[in-house]
Amino acid sequence: MRSSSIFQGDALVERYREIRDIYLADNRPWVVGYSGGKDSTCALQMVWSALADLPPERRQKPVYVISSDTLVETPVIVRYIDATLDRVSQVALKQGLPFRTEKVTPRTDRSFWVNLIGAAIPLLREDLGGALSG
């Protein structure tokens, strides 16, 4: 037996209504994590579409679209995310939507590569019988 899809009937319309209801329920700002992948793109698109249907005077609470540059991504991905965040900012401003974008990066001492190299050297020296200690 085939299960029903959330895309059948009014299910998607109901999801948009739920998003709007929750958005209007309090004054706390929202944060949408954005990686550029299909899941975060879909989540951002659903929030965007839901809020676009609200009258402008009810779209007062900010929605922060946060992307984390872990300093591991390829330059192509970094450029794609930067361009997407720029487009989100520009179109939100043009359409009067409350979206604000921000890209965060770790401090150098907290970066992936520093932690990987810093964690691996003691591991090799101690746990592998002094493989690097000579």
Protein backbone atom coordinates (compact mmCIF):
# COMPACT_ATOMS: atom_id res chain seq x y z
CA MET A 1 0.00 0.00 0.00
CA ARG A 2 1.35 3.39 -0.96
CA SER A 3 1.60 6.07 1.73
CA SER A 4 0.31 9.55 1.05
CA SER A 5 2.71 12.35 0.25
CA ILE A 6 2.88 15.68 2.03
CA PHE A 7 2.60 17.18 -1.45
CA GLN A 8 -0.85 15.72 -2.06
CA GLY A 9 -3.87 17.89 -1.48
CA ASP A 10 -3.37 20.84 0.85
CA ALA A 11 -0.48 19.39 2.85
CA LEU A 12 2.12 21.84 1.54
CA VAL A 13 -0.27 24.76 2.01
CA GLU A 14 -0.73 23.55 5.60
CA ARG A 15 3.06 23.52 6.18
CA TYR A 16 3.25 27.14 4.99
CA ARG A 17 0.39 28.04 7.34
CA GLU A 18 2.18 26.35 10.24
CA ILE A 19 5.37 28.27 9.47
CA ARG A 20 3.46 31.57 9.42
CA ASP A 21 1.61 30.74 12.66
CA ILE A 22 4.83 29.89 14.49
CA TYR A 23 6.58 32.98 13.08
CA LEU A 24 3.78 35.22 14.39
CA ALA A 25 3.49 33.47 17.77
CA ASP A 26 6.26 35.50 19.48
CA ASN A 27 8.92 38.14 18.91
CA ARG A 28 11.99 35.90 19.04
CA PRO A 29 14.15 36.14 15.91
CA TRP A 30 14.55 33.07 13.76
CA VAL A 31 17.76 31.45 12.56
CA VAL A 32 17.87 29.30 9.43
CA GLY A 33 21.10 27.38 8.96
CA TYR A 34 22.16 27.38 5.32
CA SER A 35 24.83 25.06 3.90
CA GLY A 36 23.89 25.28 0.23
CA GLY A 37 22.69 21.68 0.20
CA LYS A 38 19.26 20.44 -0.76
CA ASP A 39 17.85 20.23 2.77
CA SER A 40 18.83 23.70 3.94
CA THR A 41 17.85 25.17 0.55
CA CYS A 42 14.41 23.57 0.87
CA ALA A 43 14.00 24.80 4.46
CA LEU A 44 15.00 28.33 3.49
CA GLN A 45 12.67 28.27 0.47
CA MET A 46 9.74 27.08 2.59
CA VAL A 47 10.27 29.81 5.21
CA TRP A 48 10.73 32.40 2.45
CA SER A 49 7.55 31.38 0.63
CA ALA A 50 5.50 31.23 3.81
CA LEU A 51 6.58 34.66 5.02
CA ALA A 52 6.20 36.24 1.58
CA ASP A 53 2.45 35.58 1.90
CA LEU A 54 2.21 37.68 5.05
CA PRO A 55 1.29 41.36 4.78
CA PRO A 56 4.43 43.54 5.05
CA GLU A 57 3.40 44.95 8.43
CA ARG A 58 3.41 41.44 9.93
CA ARG A 59 6.92 40.58 8.66
CA GLN A 60 8.75 42.43 11.39
CA LYS A 61 10.69 39.68 13.14
CA PRO A 62 14.15 39.10 11.62
CA VAL A 63 15.08 35.76 10.08
CA TYR A 64 18.84 35.27 10.11
CA VAL A 65 20.23 33.01 7.40
CA ILE A 66 23.52 31.74 8.79
CA SER A 67 26.14 29.89 6.81
CA SER A 68 29.28 28.48 8.36
CA ASP A 69 32.49 28.54 6.35
CA THR A 70 34.52 25.84 8.08
CA LEU A 71 37.55 26.72 5.92
CA VAL A 72 37.41 23.19 4.48
CA GLU A 73 35.07 23.87 1.54
CA THR A 74 36.43 24.14 -1.98
CA PRO A 75 36.64 27.63 -3.51
CA VAL A 76 33.76 26.75 -5.86
CA ILE A 77 31.47 25.97 -2.92
CA VAL A 78 32.60 29.07 -1.01
CA ARG A 79 31.83 31.28 -4.03
CA TYR A 80 28.45 29.58 -4.53
CA ILE A 81 27.41 30.14 -0.91
CA ASP A 82 28.69 33.74 -0.94
CA ALA A 83 26.74 34.47 -4.14
CA THR A 84 23.60 32.82 -2.74
CA LEU A 85 23.79 34.79 0.51
CA ASP A 86 24.24 38.00 -1.50
CA ARG A 87 21.18 37.15 -3.63
CA VAL A 88 19.10 36.35 -0.54
CA SER A 89 20.03 39.73 0.98
CA GLN A 90 19.33 41.69 -2.20
CA VAL A 91 16.02 40.02 -3.01
CA ALA A 92 14.83 40.15 0.61
CA LEU A 93 15.48 43.89 0.68
CA LYS A 94 13.74 44.37 -2.67
CA GLN A 95 10.70 42.31 -1.58
CA GLY A 96 10.53 43.74 1.93
CA LEU A 97 11.22 40.40 3.58
CA PRO A 98 12.92 40.23 7.01
CA PHE A 99 15.83 37.99 5.97
CA ARG A 100 19.38 38.91 6.95
CA THR A 101 22.40 36.85 6.00
CA GLU A 102 25.62 36.20 7.84
CA LYS A 103 28.56 33.94 7.17
CA VAL A 104 30.55 32.79 10.16
CA THR A 105 34.07 31.37 10.20
CA PRO A 106 36.04 29.85 13.05
CA ARG A 107 39.07 31.51 14.57
CA THR A 108 42.25 30.04 13.15
CA ASP A 109 43.00 28.12 16.35
CA ARG A 110 39.55 26.50 16.10
CA SER A 111 39.73 25.62 12.41
CA PHE A 112 39.38 22.07 11.16
CA TRP A 113 42.97 21.82 9.91
CA VAL A 114 44.57 23.17 13.09
CA ASN A 115 42.49 20.78 15.19
CA LEU A 116 43.15 17.84 12.89
CA ILE A 117 46.90 18.33 12.81
CA GLY A 118 47.07 19.27 16.48
CA ALA A 119 45.01 16.23 17.49
CA ALA A 120 46.72 13.74 15.18
CA ILE A 121 50.32 14.32 16.23
CA PRO A 122 49.82 13.38 19.91
CA LEU A 123 47.71 10.43 18.78
CA LEU A 124 50.48 9.10 16.57
CA ARG A 125 53.15 9.67 19.19
CA GLU A 126 51.34 8.05 22.11
CA ASP A 127 48.65 5.68 20.89
CA LEU A 128 50.63 4.08 18.06
CA GLY A 129 53.71 3.24 20.06
CA GLY A 130 55.66 6.36 19.31
CA ALA A 131 55.48 6.12 15.50
CA LEU A 132 56.61 9.73 15.17
CA SER A 133 58.76 10.02 18.27
CA GLY A 134 61.72 8.25 16.73
